N, C-alpha and C. Protein backbone atom coordinates (compact mmCIF):
# COMPACT_ATOMS: atom_id res chain seq x y z
N MET A 1 0.85 -1.20 0.00
CA MET A 1 0.00 0.00 0.00
C MET A 1 0.89 1.25 0.00
N SER A 2 0.69 2.13 -0.98
CA SER A 2 1.56 3.29 -1.11
C SER A 2 1.26 4.34 -0.05
N MET A 3 2.30 5.16 0.25
CA MET A 3 2.12 6.24 1.21
C MET A 3 1.09 7.24 0.71
N LEU A 4 1.07 7.51 -0.62
CA LEU A 4 0.10 8.44 -1.18
C LEU A 4 -1.32 7.94 -0.93
N TRP A 5 -1.54 6.64 -1.11
CA TRP A 5 -2.87 6.09 -0.89
C TRP A 5 -3.29 6.28 0.56
N LEU A 6 -2.35 6.05 1.48
CA LEU A 6 -2.65 6.21 2.90
C LEU A 6 -3.04 7.65 3.23
N VAL A 7 -2.31 8.60 2.63
CA VAL A 7 -2.61 10.01 2.86
C VAL A 7 -3.99 10.36 2.32
N LEU A 8 -4.30 9.91 1.10
CA LEU A 8 -5.60 10.19 0.50
C LEU A 8 -6.72 9.56 1.30
N ALA A 9 -6.49 8.35 1.80
CA ALA A 9 -7.50 7.67 2.60
C ALA A 9 -7.76 8.43 3.90
N ALA A 10 -6.69 8.94 4.50
CA ALA A 10 -6.83 9.69 5.76
C ALA A 10 -7.58 10.99 5.55
N LEU A 11 -7.44 11.56 4.35
CA LEU A 11 -8.08 12.84 4.07
C LEU A 11 -9.50 12.69 3.53
N ALA A 12 -9.89 11.45 3.21
CA ALA A 12 -11.22 11.21 2.66
C ALA A 12 -12.27 11.56 3.71
N GLN A 13 -13.13 12.52 3.41
CA GLN A 13 -14.10 12.99 4.39
C GLN A 13 -15.44 13.22 3.73
N GLU A 14 -16.44 13.44 4.54
CA GLU A 14 -17.79 13.61 4.05
C GLU A 14 -18.01 15.03 3.52
N ALA A 15 -18.90 15.13 2.54
CA ALA A 15 -19.28 16.44 2.02
C ALA A 15 -20.49 16.94 2.80
N PRO A 16 -20.54 18.23 3.11
CA PRO A 16 -21.71 18.78 3.80
C PRO A 16 -22.88 18.96 2.84
N LYS A 17 -24.07 19.12 3.38
CA LYS A 17 -25.24 19.46 2.58
C LYS A 17 -25.33 20.98 2.51
N VAL A 18 -25.33 21.51 1.30
CA VAL A 18 -25.40 22.96 1.11
C VAL A 18 -26.76 23.31 0.52
N ASP A 19 -27.54 24.10 1.23
CA ASP A 19 -28.86 24.53 0.77
C ASP A 19 -28.79 26.03 0.51
N GLU A 20 -28.60 26.39 -0.75
CA GLU A 20 -28.42 27.81 -1.09
C GLU A 20 -29.71 28.61 -0.88
N LYS A 21 -30.86 27.96 -1.01
CA LYS A 21 -32.12 28.66 -0.81
C LYS A 21 -32.34 28.99 0.67
N ALA A 22 -32.11 27.99 1.53
CA ALA A 22 -32.27 28.19 2.97
C ALA A 22 -31.06 28.87 3.60
N LYS A 23 -29.98 28.95 2.82
CA LYS A 23 -28.70 29.53 3.27
C LYS A 23 -28.15 28.79 4.50
N THR A 24 -28.08 27.47 4.35
CA THR A 24 -27.53 26.64 5.42
C THR A 24 -26.50 25.66 4.87
N VAL A 25 -25.57 25.29 5.74
CA VAL A 25 -24.60 24.22 5.48
C VAL A 25 -24.72 23.27 6.67
N SER A 26 -25.01 22.00 6.41
CA SER A 26 -25.21 21.06 7.51
C SER A 26 -24.46 19.76 7.26
N PHE A 27 -24.16 19.05 8.35
CA PHE A 27 -23.39 17.81 8.25
C PHE A 27 -23.50 17.04 9.57
N PRO A 28 -23.28 15.72 9.52
CA PRO A 28 -23.37 14.92 10.75
C PRO A 28 -22.16 15.08 11.65
N ALA A 29 -22.37 14.87 12.93
CA ALA A 29 -21.30 14.91 13.93
C ALA A 29 -21.70 13.99 15.08
N LYS A 30 -20.80 13.84 16.04
CA LYS A 30 -21.09 13.05 17.23
C LYS A 30 -20.59 13.79 18.46
N SER A 31 -21.29 13.62 19.57
CA SER A 31 -20.82 14.20 20.83
C SER A 31 -19.61 13.41 21.31
N VAL A 32 -18.68 14.09 21.98
CA VAL A 32 -17.47 13.43 22.46
C VAL A 32 -17.51 13.28 23.98
N GLN A 33 -16.62 12.47 24.48
CA GLN A 33 -16.53 12.25 25.93
C GLN A 33 -15.89 13.47 26.60
N LEU A 34 -16.56 14.01 27.59
CA LEU A 34 -16.03 15.16 28.31
C LEU A 34 -15.01 14.74 29.36
N GLU A 35 -14.10 15.67 29.66
CA GLU A 35 -13.15 15.54 30.78
C GLU A 35 -12.33 14.25 30.72
N THR A 36 -11.77 13.97 29.54
CA THR A 36 -10.88 12.81 29.43
C THR A 36 -9.46 13.15 29.87
N GLN A 37 -9.16 14.45 30.00
CA GLN A 37 -7.85 14.91 30.47
C GLN A 37 -8.05 15.64 31.80
N PRO A 38 -7.87 14.96 32.93
CA PRO A 38 -8.15 15.55 34.25
C PRO A 38 -7.45 16.88 34.50
N GLN A 39 -6.24 17.04 33.94
CA GLN A 39 -5.49 18.27 34.19
C GLN A 39 -6.17 19.50 33.59
N LEU A 40 -7.06 19.30 32.61
CA LEU A 40 -7.76 20.43 31.99
C LEU A 40 -8.98 20.86 32.79
N LYS A 41 -9.39 20.05 33.74
CA LYS A 41 -10.51 20.36 34.64
C LYS A 41 -11.81 20.67 33.90
N GLY A 42 -11.97 20.05 32.73
CA GLY A 42 -13.22 20.20 31.98
C GLY A 42 -13.29 21.40 31.07
N PHE A 43 -12.27 22.25 31.07
CA PHE A 43 -12.31 23.45 30.22
C PHE A 43 -12.08 23.08 28.76
N ILE A 44 -12.75 23.78 27.87
CA ILE A 44 -12.65 23.51 26.44
C ILE A 44 -12.21 24.77 25.69
N GLU A 45 -11.55 24.56 24.55
CA GLU A 45 -11.13 25.66 23.70
C GLU A 45 -11.77 25.57 22.32
N TYR A 46 -12.46 24.46 22.07
CA TYR A 46 -13.10 24.25 20.76
C TYR A 46 -14.51 23.72 20.97
N VAL A 47 -15.32 23.87 19.93
CA VAL A 47 -16.67 23.35 19.95
C VAL A 47 -16.80 22.15 19.03
N LEU A 48 -16.09 22.21 17.89
CA LEU A 48 -16.19 21.15 16.89
C LEU A 48 -14.82 20.89 16.28
N VAL A 49 -14.47 19.61 16.17
CA VAL A 49 -13.19 19.22 15.56
C VAL A 49 -13.41 18.04 14.63
N ASN A 50 -12.44 17.83 13.75
CA ASN A 50 -12.38 16.59 12.97
C ASN A 50 -11.71 15.51 13.81
N LYS A 51 -11.86 14.28 13.39
CA LYS A 51 -11.13 13.19 14.02
C LYS A 51 -9.64 13.48 13.90
N GLY A 52 -8.92 13.38 15.01
CA GLY A 52 -7.50 13.72 15.02
C GLY A 52 -7.25 15.12 15.54
N GLY A 53 -8.32 15.90 15.71
CA GLY A 53 -8.20 17.23 16.32
C GLY A 53 -8.24 17.11 17.83
N LYS A 54 -8.40 18.23 18.51
CA LYS A 54 -8.37 18.22 19.98
C LYS A 54 -9.74 17.86 20.55
N GLU A 55 -10.12 16.60 20.37
CA GLU A 55 -11.41 16.13 20.87
C GLU A 55 -11.52 16.29 22.38
N TYR A 56 -10.40 16.18 23.08
CA TYR A 56 -10.40 16.28 24.54
C TYR A 56 -10.67 17.71 25.02
N GLU A 57 -10.68 18.67 24.10
CA GLU A 57 -11.01 20.06 24.45
C GLU A 57 -12.19 20.55 23.62
N SER A 58 -13.04 19.62 23.20
CA SER A 58 -14.15 19.98 22.33
C SER A 58 -15.44 19.31 22.80
N LEU A 59 -16.55 19.62 22.11
CA LEU A 59 -17.84 19.02 22.43
C LEU A 59 -18.31 18.04 21.38
N PHE A 60 -17.98 18.32 20.10
CA PHE A 60 -18.44 17.48 19.01
C PHE A 60 -17.30 17.18 18.05
N SER A 61 -17.41 16.01 17.40
CA SER A 61 -16.42 15.59 16.40
C SER A 61 -17.16 15.24 15.12
N THR A 62 -16.54 15.51 13.97
CA THR A 62 -17.18 15.27 12.69
C THR A 62 -16.19 14.74 11.67
N GLU A 63 -16.71 14.08 10.65
CA GLU A 63 -15.88 13.59 9.55
C GLU A 63 -16.01 14.49 8.32
N VAL A 64 -16.67 15.63 8.47
CA VAL A 64 -16.90 16.51 7.32
C VAL A 64 -15.59 17.09 6.79
N ASP A 65 -15.56 17.36 5.51
CA ASP A 65 -14.39 17.94 4.85
C ASP A 65 -14.37 19.45 5.10
N PRO A 66 -13.37 19.97 5.80
CA PRO A 66 -13.32 21.41 6.09
C PRO A 66 -13.30 22.28 4.84
N LEU A 67 -12.61 21.82 3.79
CA LEU A 67 -12.57 22.60 2.56
C LEU A 67 -13.95 22.70 1.93
N ALA A 68 -14.72 21.61 2.00
CA ALA A 68 -16.08 21.62 1.46
C ALA A 68 -16.98 22.54 2.28
N VAL A 69 -16.77 22.58 3.59
CA VAL A 69 -17.53 23.51 4.43
C VAL A 69 -17.17 24.95 4.08
N HIS A 70 -15.88 25.21 3.89
CA HIS A 70 -15.39 26.53 3.50
C HIS A 70 -16.07 26.99 2.21
N GLU A 71 -16.09 26.12 1.21
CA GLU A 71 -16.72 26.45 -0.06
C GLU A 71 -18.23 26.57 0.09
N GLY A 72 -18.82 25.70 0.91
CA GLY A 72 -20.26 25.75 1.12
C GLY A 72 -20.72 27.05 1.75
N LEU A 73 -19.96 27.55 2.71
CA LEU A 73 -20.31 28.82 3.34
C LEU A 73 -20.25 29.96 2.33
N LYS A 74 -19.27 29.92 1.45
CA LYS A 74 -19.20 30.97 0.42
C LYS A 74 -20.39 30.87 -0.54
N LYS A 75 -20.84 29.65 -0.82
CA LYS A 75 -21.98 29.47 -1.72
C LYS A 75 -23.26 30.06 -1.14
N ILE A 76 -23.38 30.09 0.19
CA ILE A 76 -24.60 30.66 0.79
C ILE A 76 -24.40 32.13 1.15
N GLY A 77 -23.31 32.71 0.65
CA GLY A 77 -23.12 34.15 0.79
C GLY A 77 -22.31 34.60 1.98
N VAL A 78 -21.66 33.67 2.69
CA VAL A 78 -20.84 34.02 3.84
C VAL A 78 -19.38 34.04 3.40
N GLN A 79 -18.73 35.18 3.52
CA GLN A 79 -17.37 35.32 3.02
C GLN A 79 -16.35 35.24 4.16
N PRO A 80 -15.22 34.57 3.91
CA PRO A 80 -14.19 34.47 4.95
C PRO A 80 -13.49 35.80 5.19
N GLY A 81 -13.02 35.99 6.40
CA GLY A 81 -12.28 37.21 6.75
C GLY A 81 -10.87 36.86 7.16
N ARG A 82 -10.50 37.28 8.37
CA ARG A 82 -9.17 36.94 8.90
C ARG A 82 -9.29 36.68 10.40
N PRO A 83 -8.40 35.83 10.93
CA PRO A 83 -8.43 35.53 12.36
C PRO A 83 -8.07 36.74 13.20
N GLY A 84 -8.46 36.72 14.46
CA GLY A 84 -8.04 37.74 15.41
C GLY A 84 -6.67 37.43 15.95
N GLY A 85 -6.22 38.24 16.89
CA GLY A 85 -4.89 38.05 17.48
C GLY A 85 -4.41 39.33 18.11
N GLU A 86 -3.13 39.58 18.00
CA GLU A 86 -2.53 40.80 18.54
C GLU A 86 -1.54 41.38 17.54
N ASP A 87 -1.43 42.72 17.53
CA ASP A 87 -0.42 43.34 16.68
C ASP A 87 0.92 43.35 17.42
N ASP A 88 1.92 43.98 16.82
CA ASP A 88 3.27 43.99 17.41
C ASP A 88 3.33 44.72 18.75
N ASN A 89 2.31 45.55 19.02
CA ASN A 89 2.27 46.29 20.29
C ASN A 89 1.38 45.63 21.34
N GLY A 90 0.89 44.45 21.01
CA GLY A 90 0.05 43.72 21.95
C GLY A 90 -1.41 44.14 21.93
N LYS A 91 -1.78 44.99 20.96
CA LYS A 91 -3.17 45.42 20.85
C LYS A 91 -4.01 44.30 20.24
N THR A 92 -5.19 44.08 20.81
CA THR A 92 -6.07 43.02 20.33
C THR A 92 -6.61 43.34 18.94
N LEU A 93 -6.47 42.39 18.03
CA LEU A 93 -7.04 42.51 16.69
C LEU A 93 -8.26 41.60 16.63
N LEU A 94 -9.42 42.18 16.38
CA LEU A 94 -10.64 41.39 16.35
C LEU A 94 -10.74 40.57 15.07
N PRO A 95 -11.32 39.39 15.14
CA PRO A 95 -11.51 38.58 13.93
C PRO A 95 -12.53 39.23 13.02
N THR A 96 -12.40 39.00 11.73
CA THR A 96 -13.35 39.53 10.76
C THR A 96 -13.86 38.40 9.89
N GLY A 97 -15.00 38.64 9.24
CA GLY A 97 -15.57 37.65 8.34
C GLY A 97 -17.08 37.65 8.42
N GLY A 98 -17.71 36.90 7.52
CA GLY A 98 -19.15 36.77 7.54
C GLY A 98 -19.64 36.11 8.82
N LYS A 99 -20.92 36.33 9.13
CA LYS A 99 -21.47 35.83 10.39
C LYS A 99 -22.38 34.63 10.17
N VAL A 100 -22.31 33.72 11.14
CA VAL A 100 -23.03 32.45 11.04
C VAL A 100 -23.68 32.13 12.38
N ARG A 101 -24.92 31.66 12.34
CA ARG A 101 -25.53 31.08 13.53
C ARG A 101 -25.36 29.56 13.45
N ILE A 102 -25.11 28.96 14.59
CA ILE A 102 -24.86 27.52 14.60
C ILE A 102 -25.88 26.83 15.49
N HIS A 103 -26.50 25.78 14.95
CA HIS A 103 -27.47 24.99 15.70
C HIS A 103 -27.06 23.52 15.71
N VAL A 104 -27.58 22.81 16.69
CA VAL A 104 -27.38 21.37 16.80
C VAL A 104 -28.75 20.70 16.73
N GLU A 105 -28.91 19.77 15.80
CA GLU A 105 -30.14 18.99 15.71
C GLU A 105 -29.87 17.60 16.28
N LEU A 106 -30.76 17.12 17.17
CA LEU A 106 -30.58 15.80 17.75
C LEU A 106 -31.93 15.17 18.03
N LYS A 107 -31.95 13.86 18.03
CA LYS A 107 -33.18 13.12 18.26
C LYS A 107 -33.61 13.25 19.72
N ASP A 108 -34.91 13.44 19.90
CA ASP A 108 -35.50 13.49 21.24
C ASP A 108 -36.73 12.59 21.19
N GLY A 109 -36.52 11.30 21.41
CA GLY A 109 -37.60 10.33 21.22
C GLY A 109 -37.89 10.17 19.74
N GLU A 110 -39.13 10.41 19.36
CA GLU A 110 -39.53 10.29 17.95
C GLU A 110 -39.40 11.61 17.20
N THR A 111 -39.03 12.66 17.89
CA THR A 111 -38.92 13.97 17.26
C THR A 111 -37.46 14.41 17.19
N THR A 112 -37.23 15.46 16.41
CA THR A 112 -35.90 16.05 16.30
C THR A 112 -35.91 17.42 16.96
N ARG A 113 -34.99 17.63 17.88
CA ARG A 113 -34.89 18.90 18.60
C ARG A 113 -33.75 19.72 18.01
N LYS A 114 -33.95 21.03 17.92
CA LYS A 114 -32.93 21.93 17.39
C LYS A 114 -32.58 22.97 18.45
N GLU A 115 -31.30 23.04 18.80
CA GLU A 115 -30.86 23.95 19.85
C GLU A 115 -29.70 24.81 19.36
N PRO A 116 -29.64 26.08 19.79
CA PRO A 116 -28.44 26.88 19.50
C PRO A 116 -27.23 26.22 20.13
N ILE A 117 -26.12 26.24 19.45
CA ILE A 117 -24.94 25.54 19.97
C ILE A 117 -24.46 26.13 21.29
N GLU A 118 -24.75 27.42 21.52
CA GLU A 118 -24.33 28.06 22.77
C GLU A 118 -24.96 27.39 24.01
N LYS A 119 -26.12 26.76 23.83
CA LYS A 119 -26.79 26.10 24.96
C LYS A 119 -25.96 24.94 25.51
N PHE A 120 -25.06 24.41 24.69
CA PHE A 120 -24.24 23.27 25.11
C PHE A 120 -22.94 23.70 25.79
N ILE A 121 -22.77 25.03 25.93
CA ILE A 121 -21.52 25.59 26.47
C ILE A 121 -21.81 26.39 27.74
N LEU A 122 -21.06 26.12 28.79
CA LEU A 122 -21.17 26.89 30.03
C LEU A 122 -20.09 27.97 30.07
N ASP A 123 -20.50 29.19 30.41
CA ASP A 123 -19.57 30.30 30.58
C ASP A 123 -19.29 30.43 32.08
N VAL A 124 -18.10 30.04 32.49
CA VAL A 124 -17.76 30.04 33.91
C VAL A 124 -17.79 31.45 34.50
N GLN A 125 -17.50 32.46 33.68
CA GLN A 125 -17.49 33.84 34.17
C GLN A 125 -18.87 34.30 34.63
N THR A 126 -19.90 33.82 33.94
CA THR A 126 -21.26 34.24 34.27
C THR A 126 -22.03 33.19 35.05
N GLY A 127 -21.55 31.94 35.00
CA GLY A 127 -22.26 30.85 35.65
C GLY A 127 -23.50 30.42 34.89
N LYS A 128 -23.62 30.87 33.65
CA LYS A 128 -24.78 30.54 32.81
C LYS A 128 -24.30 29.93 31.49
N THR A 129 -25.26 29.51 30.67
CA THR A 129 -24.88 29.06 29.34
C THR A 129 -24.33 30.24 28.56
N MET A 130 -23.50 29.95 27.59
CA MET A 130 -22.88 30.99 26.77
C MET A 130 -23.95 31.86 26.12
N GLU A 131 -23.70 33.15 26.06
CA GLU A 131 -24.64 34.05 25.41
C GLU A 131 -24.76 33.71 23.93
N SER A 132 -25.92 34.00 23.34
CA SER A 132 -26.12 33.76 21.91
C SER A 132 -25.25 34.72 21.12
N VAL A 133 -24.53 34.18 20.13
CA VAL A 133 -23.62 35.01 19.34
C VAL A 133 -23.75 34.65 17.86
N ASP A 134 -23.26 35.53 17.02
CA ASP A 134 -23.07 35.25 15.60
C ASP A 134 -21.60 34.89 15.42
N TRP A 135 -21.32 33.63 15.11
CA TRP A 135 -19.95 33.16 14.96
C TRP A 135 -19.33 33.74 13.70
N ILE A 136 -18.03 33.96 13.73
CA ILE A 136 -17.34 34.65 12.64
C ILE A 136 -16.59 33.65 11.76
N PHE A 137 -16.85 33.71 10.48
CA PHE A 137 -16.19 32.84 9.50
C PHE A 137 -14.86 33.48 9.10
N THR A 138 -13.85 33.22 9.92
CA THR A 138 -12.51 33.76 9.63
C THR A 138 -11.87 33.02 8.47
N GLY A 139 -12.23 31.74 8.30
CA GLY A 139 -11.79 31.01 7.11
C GLY A 139 -10.52 30.21 7.25
N SER A 140 -9.81 30.31 8.38
CA SER A 140 -8.56 29.59 8.64
C SER A 140 -7.37 30.23 7.92
N LYS A 141 -6.27 30.36 8.64
CA LYS A 141 -5.03 30.84 8.03
C LYS A 141 -4.51 29.81 7.02
N GLU A 142 -3.70 30.30 6.10
CA GLU A 142 -3.02 29.40 5.18
C GLU A 142 -1.60 29.14 5.67
N GLY A 143 -1.10 27.96 5.36
CA GLY A 143 0.26 27.59 5.73
C GLY A 143 0.58 26.22 5.20
N PHE A 144 1.75 25.70 5.55
CA PHE A 144 2.17 24.40 5.04
C PHE A 144 1.41 23.29 5.77
N VAL A 145 0.79 22.42 4.99
CA VAL A 145 0.04 21.28 5.52
C VAL A 145 0.82 20.02 5.20
N PRO A 146 1.47 19.41 6.20
CA PRO A 146 2.32 18.24 5.95
C PRO A 146 1.59 17.10 5.25
N GLU A 147 0.31 16.90 5.59
CA GLU A 147 -0.44 15.80 5.00
C GLU A 147 -0.58 15.95 3.49
N LEU A 148 -0.56 17.19 3.01
CA LEU A 148 -0.69 17.46 1.58
C LEU A 148 0.65 17.80 0.93
N GLU A 149 1.65 18.07 1.76
CA GLU A 149 2.97 18.49 1.30
C GLU A 149 2.90 19.76 0.44
N LYS A 150 2.02 20.66 0.84
CA LYS A 150 1.89 21.94 0.15
C LYS A 150 1.14 22.92 1.06
N ASN A 151 1.09 24.18 0.65
CA ASN A 151 0.34 25.18 1.41
C ASN A 151 -1.16 25.03 1.17
N SER A 152 -1.92 25.16 2.21
CA SER A 152 -3.38 25.13 2.13
C SER A 152 -3.92 25.70 3.43
N LEU A 153 -5.20 25.52 3.69
CA LEU A 153 -5.78 25.99 4.95
C LEU A 153 -5.27 25.15 6.11
N LEU A 154 -4.81 25.80 7.17
CA LEU A 154 -4.21 25.09 8.29
C LEU A 154 -5.21 24.21 9.05
N VAL A 155 -6.49 24.46 8.88
CA VAL A 155 -7.49 23.61 9.53
C VAL A 155 -7.35 22.17 9.07
N LEU A 156 -6.80 21.95 7.87
CA LEU A 156 -6.61 20.59 7.38
C LEU A 156 -5.57 19.85 8.20
N SER A 157 -4.68 20.58 8.83
CA SER A 157 -3.63 19.97 9.65
C SER A 157 -4.03 19.92 11.13
N THR A 158 -4.57 21.03 11.65
CA THR A 158 -4.94 21.06 13.07
C THR A 158 -6.23 20.29 13.34
N LYS A 159 -7.14 20.30 12.36
CA LYS A 159 -8.42 19.58 12.43
C LYS A 159 -9.37 20.15 13.49
N ASN A 160 -9.19 21.41 13.82
CA ASN A 160 -10.07 22.09 14.78
C ASN A 160 -10.92 23.10 14.02
N LEU A 161 -12.24 22.89 13.97
CA LEU A 161 -13.10 23.68 13.08
C LEU A 161 -13.72 24.93 13.70
N ILE A 162 -14.19 24.83 14.94
CA ILE A 162 -14.82 25.98 15.60
C ILE A 162 -14.09 26.26 16.90
N GLY A 163 -13.55 27.47 17.03
CA GLY A 163 -12.75 27.81 18.21
C GLY A 163 -13.45 28.79 19.14
N LEU A 164 -13.08 28.72 20.40
CA LEU A 164 -13.60 29.64 21.41
C LEU A 164 -12.62 30.74 21.77
N LEU A 165 -11.35 30.60 21.34
CA LEU A 165 -10.31 31.59 21.62
C LEU A 165 -9.78 32.17 20.31
N HIS A 166 -9.49 33.47 20.31
CA HIS A 166 -9.00 34.12 19.10
C HIS A 166 -7.60 33.68 18.70
N ARG A 167 -6.84 33.16 19.65
CA ARG A 167 -5.43 32.93 19.38
C ARG A 167 -5.18 31.82 18.35
N ASP A 168 -6.15 30.93 18.15
CA ASP A 168 -5.98 29.87 17.16
C ASP A 168 -6.56 30.33 15.83
N GLY A 169 -5.69 30.77 14.95
CA GLY A 169 -6.13 31.27 13.65
C GLY A 169 -6.39 30.19 12.63
N SER A 170 -6.23 28.93 13.03
CA SER A 170 -6.41 27.84 12.07
C SER A 170 -7.87 27.40 11.94
N THR A 171 -8.73 27.79 12.87
CA THR A 171 -10.12 27.34 12.82
C THR A 171 -10.89 28.02 11.69
N LEU A 172 -11.96 27.36 11.23
CA LEU A 172 -12.80 27.97 10.20
C LEU A 172 -13.67 29.07 10.78
N LEU A 173 -14.20 28.84 11.97
CA LEU A 173 -15.08 29.81 12.63
C LEU A 173 -14.59 30.06 14.04
N THR A 174 -14.86 31.27 14.54
CA THR A 174 -14.40 31.61 15.88
C THR A 174 -15.46 32.38 16.64
N ASN A 175 -15.33 32.33 17.94
CA ASN A 175 -16.18 33.04 18.87
C ASN A 175 -15.93 34.55 18.74
N PRO A 176 -16.98 35.37 18.57
CA PRO A 176 -16.77 36.82 18.46
C PRO A 176 -16.46 37.50 19.79
N VAL A 177 -16.71 36.81 20.90
CA VAL A 177 -16.47 37.40 22.22
C VAL A 177 -14.96 37.51 22.46
N VAL A 178 -14.50 38.71 22.78
CA VAL A 178 -13.08 38.90 23.06
C VAL A 178 -12.72 38.11 24.31
N ASN A 179 -11.87 37.11 24.14
CA ASN A 179 -11.57 36.22 25.26
C ASN A 179 -10.19 35.61 25.11
N LYS A 180 -9.35 35.80 26.11
CA LYS A 180 -8.02 35.19 26.14
C LYS A 180 -7.91 34.14 27.25
N ASP A 181 -9.02 33.93 27.95
CA ASP A 181 -9.01 33.05 29.11
C ASP A 181 -9.35 31.62 28.70
N GLU A 182 -8.36 30.74 28.74
CA GLU A 182 -8.59 29.35 28.36
C GLU A 182 -9.36 28.57 29.44
N HIS A 183 -9.65 29.23 30.56
CA HIS A 183 -10.41 28.61 31.63
C HIS A 183 -11.77 29.30 31.79
N ARG A 184 -12.39 29.59 30.67
CA ARG A 184 -13.69 30.27 30.71
C ARG A 184 -14.86 29.35 30.35
N TYR A 185 -14.65 28.44 29.40
CA TYR A 185 -15.78 27.65 28.89
C TYR A 185 -15.66 26.17 29.23
N LYS A 186 -16.82 25.57 29.51
CA LYS A 186 -16.93 24.13 29.73
C LYS A 186 -18.15 23.60 28.98
N GLY A 187 -18.23 22.29 28.83
CA GLY A 187 -19.44 21.69 28.28
C GLY A 187 -20.57 21.75 29.30
N ASN A 188 -21.80 21.80 28.80
CA ASN A 188 -22.98 21.85 29.66
C ASN A 188 -23.53 20.43 29.83
N PRO A 189 -23.21 19.75 30.92
CA PRO A 189 -23.63 18.36 31.09
C PRO A 189 -25.14 18.18 31.17
N ALA A 190 -25.86 19.25 31.51
CA ALA A 190 -27.31 19.16 31.62
C ALA A 190 -27.98 19.01 30.26
N LEU A 191 -27.30 19.42 29.21
CA LEU A 191 -27.91 19.39 27.87
C LEU A 191 -27.16 18.50 26.89
N LEU A 192 -25.86 18.34 27.08
CA LEU A 192 -25.08 17.53 26.14
C LEU A 192 -25.53 16.07 26.16
N PRO A 193 -25.72 15.48 24.98
CA PRO A 193 -26.06 14.05 24.95
C PRO A 193 -24.84 13.21 25.31
N LYS A 194 -25.07 11.95 25.63
CA LYS A 194 -23.96 11.07 26.00
C LYS A 194 -22.99 10.91 24.84
N ALA A 195 -21.74 10.62 25.16
CA ALA A 195 -20.69 10.50 24.15
C ALA A 195 -21.09 9.51 23.07
N GLY A 196 -20.83 9.90 21.82
CA GLY A 196 -21.13 9.04 20.69
C GLY A 196 -22.50 9.25 20.08
N THR A 197 -23.30 10.13 20.67
CA THR A 197 -24.64 10.40 20.14
C THR A 197 -24.54 11.15 18.81
N ALA A 198 -25.27 10.67 17.81
CA ALA A 198 -25.27 11.31 16.50
C ALA A 198 -26.10 12.59 16.52
N VAL A 199 -25.56 13.65 15.96
CA VAL A 199 -26.25 14.93 15.84
C VAL A 199 -26.00 15.49 14.44
N THR A 200 -26.70 16.56 14.13
CA THR A 200 -26.44 17.30 12.89
C THR A 200 -26.07 18.73 13.26
N ILE A 201 -24.95 19.20 12.73
CA ILE A 201 -24.53 20.59 12.93
C ILE A 201 -25.04 21.41 11.76
N VAL A 202 -25.67 22.54 12.06
CA VAL A 202 -26.23 23.40 11.01
C VAL A 202 -25.63 24.80 11.12
N PHE A 203 -24.99 25.24 10.04
CA PHE A 203 -24.51 26.62 9.93
C PHE A 203 -25.53 27.40 9.11
N GLU A 204 -25.97 28.53 9.62
CA GLU A 204 -26.96 29.36 8.93
C GLU A 204 -26.41 30.77 8.74
N ALA A 205 -26.45 31.25 7.52
CA ALA A 205 -25.96 32.59 7.22
C ALA A 205 -26.79 33.64 7.95
N VAL A 206 -26.12 34.62 8.53
CA VAL A 206 -26.81 35.74 9.18
C VAL A 206 -27.04 36.82 8.13
N PRO A 207 -28.28 37.25 7.95
CA PRO A 207 -28.57 38.27 6.92
C PRO A 207 -27.77 39.55 7.13
């Protein structure tokens, strides 16, 4: 079996469903096991990752192709911007890009329930679920991706799709709330389904 075949097999991922009329991009995912790393004390830095990403700091994992999601968001009118960070003087640079609302669809008996993704996240600063936000499609920085042996979107290498901190410029989408505290967010055990539960993630363009 050739090394090229192994690389292509590893990169083989699912395509999202793109509905240009409804302006949504959706795809399957699964809930992950919380608090598998005791030293992290349950804190998370991501909401959604690919297999091989930081599942131990996330809530959901998916096999969706990040490049296809990137293109799908553009098809529904959401344009990528740039990640946030700091300039040379330490001044905070806010992330830019089109805005997206994110929902989670999951089975509830014989019916399907749809919840804003923020409901699954606890904000330790407020003691409540995360406030409703419009997530920012920064689009991921470009750089060398070893798996492809060429430059492309870094999300293909890090495999972390939705971030809660501005410092990771590799994610496709990021939290608009200015936050440098890696000990701010946790999963909401009261609402999160048990690990391995199938869900659907829905990205919806904000008018």
